[in-house]
PDB file of N, CA and C in Angstrom:
ATOM      1  N   MET A   1      14.405 -12.557  13.433  1.00  0.00           N
ATOM      2  CA  MET A   1      15.058 -11.383  12.878  1.00  0.00           C
ATOM      3  C   MET A   1      16.454 -11.771  12.394  1.00  0.00           C
ATOM      4  N   LYS A   2      16.865 -11.205  11.277  1.00  0.00           N
ATOM      5  CA  LYS A   2      18.181 -11.502  10.706  1.00  0.00           C
ATOM      6  C   LYS A   2      19.299 -10.863  11.516  1.00  0.00           C
ATOM      7  N   ASN A   3      20.441 -11.511  11.518  1.00  0.00           N
ATOM      8  CA  ASN A   3      21.643 -10.898  12.068  1.00  0.00           C
ATOM      9  C   ASN A   3      22.107  -9.807  11.129  1.00  0.00           C
ATOM     10  N   GLU A   4      22.687  -8.762  11.688  1.00  0.00           N
ATOM     11  CA  GLU A   4      23.202  -7.676  10.861  1.00  0.00           C
ATOM     12  C   GLU A   4      24.229  -8.171   9.858  1.00  0.00           C
ATOM     13  N   GLU A   5      24.985  -9.205  10.211  1.00  0.00           N
ATOM     14  CA  GLU A   5      26.016  -9.745   9.314  1.00  0.00           C
ATOM     15  C   GLU A   5      25.405 -10.347   8.041  1.00  0.00           C
ATOM     16  N   ASP A   6      24.120 -10.740   8.094  1.00  0.00           N
ATOM     17  CA  ASP A   6      23.450 -11.360   6.951  1.00  0.00           C
ATOM     18  C   ASP A   6      22.884 -10.338   5.971  1.00  0.00           C
ATOM     19  N   TRP A   7      22.822  -9.069   6.373  1.00  0.00           N
ATOM     20  CA  TRP A   7      22.231  -8.042   5.526  1.00  0.00           C
ATOM     21  C   TRP A   7      23.199  -7.643   4.436  1.00  0.00           C
ATOM     22  N   PRO A   8      22.695  -7.421   3.213  1.00  0.00           N
ATOM     23  CA  PRO A   8      23.592  -6.940   2.154  1.00  0.00           C
ATOM     24  C   PRO A   8      24.110  -5.546   2.509  1.00  0.00           C
ATOM     25  N   GLU A   9      25.314  -5.262   2.067  1.00  0.00           N
ATOM     26  CA  GLU A   9      25.901  -3.949   2.346  1.00  0.00           C
ATOM     27  C   GLU A   9      25.080  -2.862   1.657  1.00  0.00           C
ATOM     28  N   ARG A  10      24.794  -1.819   2.384  1.00  0.00           N
ATOM     29  CA  ARG A  10      24.006  -0.713   1.850  1.00  0.00           C
ATOM     30  C   ARG A  10      24.941   0.272   1.167  1.00  0.00           C
ATOM     31  N   ARG A  11      24.631   0.611  -0.066  1.00  0.00           N
ATOM     32  CA  ARG A  11      25.464   1.555  -0.815  1.00  0.00           C
ATOM     33  C   ARG A  11      25.307   2.962  -0.275  1.00  0.00           C
ATOM     34  N   HIS A  12      26.327   3.758  -0.518  1.00  0.00           N
ATOM     35  CA  HIS A  12      26.314   5.154  -0.070  1.00  0.00           C
ATOM     36  C   HIS A  12      25.169   5.898  -0.734  1.00  0.00           C
ATOM     37  N   ARG A  13      24.444   6.647   0.054  1.00  0.00           N
ATOM     38  CA  ARG A  13      23.328   7.432  -0.450  1.00  0.00           C
ATOM     39  C   ARG A  13      23.728   8.903  -0.485  1.00  0.00           C
ATOM     40  N   HIS A  14      23.291   9.568  -1.537  1.00  0.00           N
ATOM     41  CA  HIS A  14      23.597  10.986  -1.718  1.00  0.00           C
ATOM     42  C   HIS A  14      22.331  11.792  -1.466  1.00  0.00           C
ATOM     43  N   ASP A  15      22.421  12.776  -0.581  1.00  0.00           N
ATOM     44  CA  ASP A  15      21.294  13.688  -0.372  1.00  0.00           C
ATOM     45  C   ASP A  15      21.202  14.601  -1.591  1.00  0.00           C
ATOM     46  N   VAL A  16      20.034  14.638  -2.200  1.00  0.00           N
ATOM     47  CA  VAL A  16      19.820  15.430  -3.414  1.00  0.00           C
ATOM     48  C   VAL A  16      18.436  16.075  -3.342  1.00  0.00           C
ATOM     49  N   GLU A  17      18.170  16.952  -4.250  1.00  0.00           N
ATOM     50  CA  GLU A  17      16.829  17.486  -4.503  1.00  0.00           C
ATOM     51  C   GLU A  17      16.676  17.534  -6.006  1.00  0.00           C
ATOM     52  N   ILE A  18      16.093  16.471  -6.549  1.00  0.00           N
ATOM     53  CA  ILE A  18      15.957  16.323  -8.002  1.00  0.00           C
ATOM     54  C   ILE A  18      14.484  16.108  -8.329  1.00  0.00           C
ATOM     55  N   GLY A  19      13.967  16.899  -9.233  1.00  0.00           N
ATOM     56  CA  GLY A  19      12.625  16.666  -9.747  1.00  0.00           C
ATOM     57  C   GLY A  19      12.670  15.517 -10.735  1.00  0.00           C
ATOM     58  N   ALA A  20      11.723  14.600 -10.628  1.00  0.00           N
ATOM     59  CA  ALA A  20      11.659  13.447 -11.527  1.00  0.00           C
ATOM     60  C   ALA A  20      10.200  13.201 -11.895  1.00  0.00           C
ATOM     61  N   GLU A  21       9.994  12.301 -12.823  1.00  0.00           N
ATOM     62  CA  GLU A  21       8.646  11.973 -13.258  1.00  0.00           C
ATOM     63  C   GLU A  21       8.393  10.488 -13.035  1.00  0.00           C
ATOM     64  N   VAL A  22       7.260  10.160 -12.422  1.00  0.00           N
ATOM     65  CA  VAL A  22       6.849   8.774 -12.225  1.00  0.00           C
ATOM     66  C   VAL A  22       5.903   8.397 -13.359  1.00  0.00           C
ATOM     67  N   HIS A  23       6.149   7.236 -13.952  1.00  0.00           N
ATOM     68  CA  HIS A  23       5.281   6.698 -15.009  1.00  0.00           C
ATOM     69  C   HIS A  23       4.635   5.427 -14.471  1.00  0.00           C
ATOM     70  N   TYR A  24       3.309   5.405 -14.447  1.00  0.00           N
ATOM     71  CA  TYR A  24       2.564   4.253 -13.938  1.00  0.00           C
ATOM     72  C   TYR A  24       2.209   3.309 -15.078  1.00  0.00           C
ATOM     73  N   PRO A  25       1.990   2.034 -14.753  1.00  0.00           N
ATOM     74  CA  PRO A  25       1.635   1.058 -15.797  1.00  0.00           C
ATOM     75  C   PRO A  25       0.386   1.436 -16.598  1.00  0.00           C
ATOM     76  N   ASP A  26      -0.549   2.185 -15.985  1.00  0.00           N
ATOM     77  CA  ASP A  26      -1.770   2.559 -16.713  1.00  0.00           C
ATOM     78  C   ASP A  26      -1.564   3.754 -17.646  1.00  0.00           C
ATOM     79  N   GLY A  27      -0.331   4.291 -17.665  1.00  0.00           N
ATOM     80  CA  GLY A  27      -0.017   5.368 -18.589  1.00  0.00           C
ATOM     81  C   GLY A  27       0.024   6.762 -17.993  1.00  0.00           C
ATOM     82  N   HIS A  28      -0.557   6.954 -16.803  1.00  0.00           N
ATOM     83  CA  HIS A  28      -0.501   8.327 -16.273  1.00  0.00           C
ATOM     84  C   HIS A  28       0.853   8.591 -15.625  1.00  0.00           C
ATOM     85  N   GLN A  29       1.144   9.878 -15.473  1.00  0.00           N
ATOM     86  CA  GLN A  29       2.449  10.320 -14.971  1.00  0.00           C
ATOM     87  C   GLN A  29       2.236  11.425 -13.946  1.00  0.00           C
ATOM     88  N   ARG A  30       3.254  11.610 -13.093  1.00  0.00           N
ATOM     89  CA  ARG A  30       3.231  12.760 -12.191  1.00  0.00           C
ATOM     90  C   ARG A  30       4.644  13.105 -11.748  1.00  0.00           C
ATOM     91  N   GLN A  31       4.809  14.342 -11.340  1.00  0.00           N
ATOM     92  CA  GLN A  31       6.105  14.848 -10.882  1.00  0.00           C
ATOM     93  C   GLN A  31       6.319  14.467  -9.424  1.00  0.00           C
ATOM     94  N   VAL A  32       7.559  14.128  -9.074  1.00  0.00           N
ATOM     95  CA  VAL A  32       7.940  13.828  -7.696  1.00  0.00           C
ATOM     96  C   VAL A  32       9.287  14.468  -7.410  1.00  0.00           C
ATOM     97  N   LEU A  33       9.638  14.502  -6.140  1.00  0.00           N
ATOM     98  CA  LEU A  33      10.940  14.973  -5.711  1.00  0.00           C
ATOM     99  C   LEU A  33      11.729  13.783  -5.203  1.00  0.00           C
ATOM    100  N   ILE A  34      12.966  13.637  -5.687  1.00  0.00           N
ATOM    101  CA  ILE A  34      13.887  12.623  -5.165  1.00  0.00           C
ATOM    102  C   ILE A  34      14.762  13.334  -4.138  1.00  0.00           C
ATOM    103  N   SER A  35      14.842  12.750  -2.927  1.00  0.00           N
ATOM    104  CA  SER A  35      15.618  13.415  -1.879  1.00  0.00           C
ATOM    105  C   SER A  35      16.839  12.623  -1.446  1.00  0.00           C
ATOM    106  N   ASN A  36      17.012  11.454  -1.999  1.00  0.00           N
ATOM    107  CA  ASN A  36      18.253  10.721  -1.773  1.00  0.00           C
ATOM    108  C   ASN A  36      18.385   9.690  -2.868  1.00  0.00           C
ATOM    109  N   LEU A  37      19.627   9.418  -3.266  1.00  0.00           N
ATOM    110  CA  LEU A  37      19.881   8.610  -4.454  1.00  0.00           C
ATOM    111  C   LEU A  37      21.141   7.776  -4.264  1.00  0.00           C
ATOM    112  N   SER A  38      21.069   6.512  -4.692  1.00  0.00           N
ATOM    113  CA  SER A  38      22.246   5.642  -4.695  1.00  0.00           C
ATOM    114  C   SER A  38      22.208   4.830  -5.988  1.00  0.00           C
ATOM    115  N   LEU A  39      23.187   3.968  -6.174  1.00  0.00           N
ATOM    116  CA  LEU A  39      23.182   3.108  -7.353  1.00  0.00           C
ATOM    117  C   LEU A  39      22.045   2.093  -7.312  1.00  0.00           C
ATOM    118  N   ASP A  40      21.554   1.785  -6.113  1.00  0.00           N
ATOM    119  CA  ASP A  40      20.513   0.763  -5.950  1.00  0.00           C
ATOM    120  C   ASP A  40      19.093   1.299  -5.907  1.00  0.00           C
ATOM    121  N   GLY A  41      18.935   2.597  -5.610  1.00  0.00           N
ATOM    122  CA  GLY A  41      17.582   3.105  -5.473  1.00  0.00           C
ATOM    123  C   GLY A  41      17.550   4.553  -5.054  1.00  0.00           C
ATOM    124  N   CYS A  42      16.355   4.974  -4.603  1.00  0.00           N
ATOM    125  CA  CYS A  42      16.186   6.370  -4.208  1.00  0.00           C
ATOM    126  C   CYS A  42      15.015   6.501  -3.247  1.00  0.00           C
ATOM    127  N   ARG A  43      14.919   7.676  -2.642  1.00  0.00           N
ATOM    128  CA  ARG A  43      13.754   8.013  -1.820  1.00  0.00           C
ATOM    129  C   ARG A  43      13.001   9.095  -2.578  1.00  0.00           C
ATOM    130  N   ILE A  44      11.694   8.879  -2.739  1.00  0.00           N
ATOM    131  CA  ILE A  44      10.864   9.865  -3.428  1.00  0.00           C
ATOM    132  C   ILE A  44       9.754  10.330  -2.499  1.00  0.00           C
ATOM    133  N   HIS A  45       9.249  11.526  -2.779  1.00  0.00           N
ATOM    134  CA  HIS A  45       8.178  12.095  -1.976  1.00  0.00           C
ATOM    135  C   HIS A  45       6.857  11.891  -2.703  1.00  0.00           C
ATOM    136  N   GLY A  46       5.878  11.412  -1.986  1.00  0.00           N
ATOM    137  CA  GLY A  46       4.554  11.137  -2.531  1.00  0.00           C
ATOM    138  C   GLY A  46       3.990   9.882  -1.874  1.00  0.00           C
ATOM    139  N   TRP A  47       2.760   9.579  -2.192  1.00  0.00           N
ATOM    140  CA  TRP A  47       2.069   8.435  -1.591  1.00  0.00           C
ATOM    141  C   TRP A  47       2.103   7.266  -2.564  1.00  0.00           C
ATOM    142  N   PHE A  48       2.701   6.163  -2.130  1.00  0.00           N
ATOM    143  CA  PHE A  48       2.867   4.972  -2.959  1.00  0.00           C
ATOM    144  C   PHE A  48       2.537   3.728  -2.141  1.00  0.00           C
ATOM    145  N   ARG A  49       2.285   2.624  -2.826  1.00  0.00           N
ATOM    146  CA  ARG A  49       1.991   1.349  -2.169  1.00  0.00           C
ATOM    147  C   ARG A  49       3.218   0.448  -2.199  1.00  0.00           C
ATOM    148  N   ILE A  50       3.503  -0.183  -1.078  1.00  0.00           N
ATOM    149  CA  ILE A  50       4.614  -1.136  -1.005  1.00  0.00           C
ATOM    150  C   ILE A  50       4.373  -2.239  -2.037  1.00  0.00           C
ATOM    151  N   GLY A  51       5.411  -2.564  -2.798  1.00  0.00           N
ATOM    152  CA  GLY A  51       5.328  -3.591  -3.829  1.00  0.00           C
ATOM    153  C   GLY A  51       5.010  -3.058  -5.212  1.00  0.00           C
ATOM    154  N   GLU A  52       4.518  -1.839  -5.288  1.00  0.00           N
ATOM    155  CA  GLU A  52       4.174  -1.213  -6.561  1.00  0.00           C
ATOM    156  C   GLU A  52       5.418  -1.099  -7.449  1.00  0.00           C
ATOM    157  N   VAL A  53       5.273  -1.452  -8.721  1.00  0.00           N
ATOM    158  CA  VAL A  53       6.367  -1.314  -9.690  1.00  0.00           C
ATOM    159  C   VAL A  53       6.039  -0.128 -10.580  1.00  0.00           C
ATOM    160  N   LEU A  54       7.031   0.757 -10.741  1.00  0.00           N
ATOM    161  CA  LEU A  54       6.823   1.939 -11.564  1.00  0.00           C
ATOM    162  C   LEU A  54       8.118   2.301 -12.270  1.00  0.00           C
ATOM    163  N   GLU A  55       8.028   3.247 -13.170  1.00  0.00           N
ATOM    164  CA  GLU A  55       9.211   3.740 -13.869  1.00  0.00           C
ATOM    165  C   GLU A  55       9.407   5.202 -13.507  1.00  0.00           C
ATOM    166  N   LEU A  56      10.667   5.581 -13.375  1.00  0.00           N
ATOM    167  CA  LEU A  56      11.032   6.952 -13.066  1.00  0.00           C
ATOM    168  C   LEU A  56      11.885   7.500 -14.195  1.00  0.00           C
ATOM    169  N   THR A  57      11.629   8.725 -14.596  1.00  0.00           N
ATOM    170  CA  THR A  57      12.535   9.429 -15.488  1.00  0.00           C
ATOM    171  C   THR A  57      13.290  10.428 -14.627  1.00  0.00           C
ATOM    172  N   ILE A  58      14.610  10.205 -14.511  1.00  0.00           N
ATOM    173  CA  ILE A  58      15.471  11.023 -13.674  1.00  0.00           C
ATOM    174  C   ILE A  58      16.407  11.809 -14.588  1.00  0.00           C
ATOM    175  N   PRO A  59      16.437  13.144 -14.447  1.00  0.00           N
ATOM    176  CA  PRO A  59      17.320  13.939 -15.311  1.00  0.00           C
ATOM    177  C   PRO A  59      18.766  13.447 -15.258  1.00  0.00           C
ATOM    178  N   LYS A  60      19.415  13.421 -16.398  1.00  0.00           N
ATOM    179  CA  LYS A  60      20.810  13.007 -16.591  1.00  0.00           C
ATOM    180  C   LYS A  60      21.056  11.527 -16.321  1.00  0.00           C
ATOM    181  N   ILE A  61      20.014  10.790 -15.932  1.00  0.00           N
ATOM    182  CA  ILE A  61      20.139   9.336 -15.731  1.00  0.00           C
ATOM    183  C   ILE A  61      19.286   8.606 -16.759  1.00  0.00           C
ATOM    184  N   GLY A  62      18.062   9.090 -16.952  1.00  0.00           N
ATOM    185  CA  GLY A  62      17.162   8.457 -17.899  1.00  0.00           C
ATOM    186  C   GLY A  62      16.025   7.755 -17.184  1.00  0.00           C
ATOM    187  N   ARG A  63      15.431   6.818 -17.894  1.00  0.00           N
ATOM    188  CA  ARG A  63      14.267   6.104 -17.366  1.00  0.00           C
ATOM    189  C   ARG A  63      14.723   4.810 -16.720  1.00  0.00           C
ATOM    190  N   VAL A  64      14.308   4.593 -15.482  1.00  0.00           N
ATOM    191  CA  VAL A  64      14.652   3.380 -14.735  1.00  0.00           C
ATOM    192  C   VAL A  64      13.386   2.790 -14.148  1.00  0.00           C
ATOM    193  N   ARG A  65      13.407   1.490 -13.965  1.00  0.00           N
ATOM    194  CA  ARG A  65      12.266   0.788 -13.379  1.00  0.00           C
ATOM    195  C   ARG A  65      12.615   0.427 -11.945  1.00  0.00           C
ATOM    196  N   GLY A  66      11.642   0.545 -11.060  1.00  0.00           N
ATOM    197  CA  GLY A  66      11.901   0.240  -9.664  1.00  0.00           C
ATOM    198  C   GLY A  66      10.656  -0.258  -8.955  1.00  0.00           C
ATOM    199  N   GLN A  67      10.878  -0.746  -7.741  1.00  0.00           N
ATOM    200  CA  GLN A  67       9.788  -1.259  -6.917  1.00  0.00           C
ATOM    201  C   GLN A  67       9.782  -0.518  -5.582  1.00  0.00           C
ATOM    202  N   VAL A  68       8.595  -0.174  -5.116  1.00  0.00           N
ATOM    203  CA  VAL A  68       8.451   0.475  -3.820  1.00  0.00           C
ATOM    204  C   VAL A  68       8.722  -0.564  -2.735  1.00  0.00           C
ATOM    205  N   ARG A  69       9.749  -0.327  -1.930  1.00  0.00           N
ATOM    206  CA  ARG A  69      10.143  -1.259  -0.874  1.00  0.00           C
ATOM    207  C   ARG A  69       9.599  -0.848   0.481  1.00  0.00           C
ATOM    208  N   TRP A  70       9.389   0.445   0.701  1.00  0.00           N
ATOM    209  CA  TRP A  70       8.770   0.947   1.920  1.00  0.00           C
ATOM    210  C   TRP A  70       8.042   2.239   1.596  1.00  0.00           C
ATOM    211  N   ALA A  71       7.042   2.555   2.368  1.00  0.00           N
ATOM    212  CA  ALA A  71       6.275   3.778   2.181  1.00  0.00           C
ATOM    213  C   ALA A  71       5.786   4.231   3.554  1.00  0.00           C
ATOM    214  N   LEU A  72       6.038   5.506   3.874  1.00  0.00           N
ATOM    215  CA  LEU A  72       5.672   6.018   5.188  1.00  0.00           C
ATOM    216  C   LEU A  72       5.584   7.537   5.136  1.00  0.00           C
ATOM    217  N   ALA A  73       4.467   8.063   5.591  1.00  0.00           N
ATOM    218  CA  ALA A  73       4.288   9.506   5.775  1.00  0.00           C
ATOM    219  C   ALA A  73       4.650  10.338   4.542  1.00  0.00           C
ATOM    220  N   GLY A  74       4.188   9.918   3.373  1.00  0.00           N
ATOM    221  CA  GLY A  74       4.406  10.712   2.168  1.00  0.00           C
ATOM    222  C   GLY A  74       5.766  10.567   1.539  1.00  0.00           C
ATOM    223  N   LYS A  75       6.508   9.543   1.926  1.00  0.00           N
ATOM    224  CA  LYS A  75       7.807   9.240   1.312  1.00  0.00           C
ATOM    225  C   LYS A  75       7.846   7.751   1.017  1.00  0.00           C
ATOM    226  N   ALA A  76       8.682   7.373   0.046  1.00  0.00           N
ATOM    227  CA  ALA A  76       8.799   5.960  -0.306  1.00  0.00           C
ATOM    228  C   ALA A  76      10.219   5.652  -0.743  1.00  0.00           C
ATOM    229  N   GLY A  77      10.646   4.448  -0.453  1.00  0.00           N
ATOM    230  CA  GLY A  77      11.947   3.967  -0.888  1.00  0.00           C
ATOM    231  C   GLY A  77      11.783   3.098  -2.122  1.00  0.00           C
ATOM    232  N   ILE A  78      12.524   3.409  -3.156  1.00  0.00           N
ATOM    233  CA  ILE A  78      12.455   2.681  -4.421  1.00  0.00           C
ATOM    234  C   ILE A  78      13.746   1.898  -4.605  1.00  0.00           C
ATOM    235  N   ARG A  79      13.627   0.600  -4.882  1.00  0.00           N
ATOM    236  CA  ARG A  79      14.792  -0.210  -5.239  1.00  0.00           C
ATOM    237  C   ARG A  79      14.762  -0.355  -6.748  1.00  0.00           C
ATOM    238  N   PHE A  80      15.851   0.090  -7.399  1.00  0.00           N
ATOM    239  CA  PHE A  80      15.922  -0.060  -8.844  1.00  0.00           C
ATOM    240  C   PHE A  80      15.997  -1.540  -9.183  1.00  0.00           C
ATOM    241  N   LEU A  81      15.279  -1.936 -10.213  1.00  0.00           N
ATOM    242  CA  LEU A  81      15.261  -3.345 -10.625  1.00  0.00           C
ATOM    243  C   LEU A  81      16.340  -3.608 -11.666  1.00  0.00           C
ATOM    244  N   PRO A  82      17.046  -4.723 -11.523  1.00  0.00           N
ATOM    245  CA  PRO A  82      18.009  -5.103 -12.572  1.00  0.00           C
ATOM    246  C   PRO A  82      17.267  -5.333 -13.890  1.00  0.00           C
ATOM    247  N   ALA A  83      17.968  -5.209 -14.980  1.00  0.00           N
ATOM    248  CA  ALA A  83      17.352  -5.356 -16.307  1.00  0.00           C
ATOM    249  C   ALA A  83      16.576  -6.656 -16.440  1.00  0.00           C
ATOM    250  N   THR A  84      17.093  -7.746 -15.886  1.00  0.00           N
ATOM    251  CA  THR A  84      16.410  -9.040 -16.004  1.00  0.00           C
ATOM    252  C   THR A  84      15.082  -9.028 -15.247  1.00  0.00           C
ATOM    253  N   GLU A  85      15.040  -8.412 -14.063  1.00  0.00           N
ATOM    254  CA  GLU A  85      13.808  -8.306 -13.294  1.00  0.00           C
ATOM    255  C   GLU A  85      12.875  -7.277 -13.903  1.00  0.00           C
ATOM    256  N   ALA A  86      13.433  -6.198 -14.418  1.00  0.00           N
ATOM    257  CA  ALA A  86      12.607  -5.115 -14.958  1.00  0.00           C
ATOM    258  C   ALA A  86      11.828  -5.577 -16.165  1.00  0.00           C
ATOM    259  N   ASN A  87      12.339  -6.528 -16.913  1.00  0.00           N
ATOM    260  CA  ASN A  87      11.652  -6.994 -18.119  1.00  0.00           C
ATOM    261  C   ASN A  87      10.713  -8.162 -17.864  1.00  0.00           C
ATOM    262  N   ALA A  88      10.762  -8.724 -16.677  1.00  0.00           N
ATOM    263  CA  ALA A  88       9.912  -9.873 -16.346  1.00  0.00           C
ATOM    264  C   ALA A  88       8.625  -9.397 -15.704  1.00  0.00           C
ATOM    265  N   ASP A  89       7.491  -9.582 -16.363  1.00  0.00           N
ATOM    266  CA  ASP A  89       6.202  -9.206 -15.782  1.00  0.00           C
ATOM    267  C   ASP A  89       5.307 -10.398 -15.706  1.00  0.00           C
TER     268      ASP A  89
END
């Protein structure tokens, strides 16, 4: 297990209730609720697979690409991908 000192600093998260749209690679879309948001990622409600890459359209932010980092009990943590990672498939 890593020492806490080795972990990257976690950015401040804002509790929110924002409706967003998930866009899947196969073209289908669905509405989700974002319940927390930071510069690095967000928590969304719904069933997702760890490692899944998807795009989110977030009001007033736009379309961002992210990866599911954790998923549990109908919620998932999304880490936004940097532009260089987002374009590499």
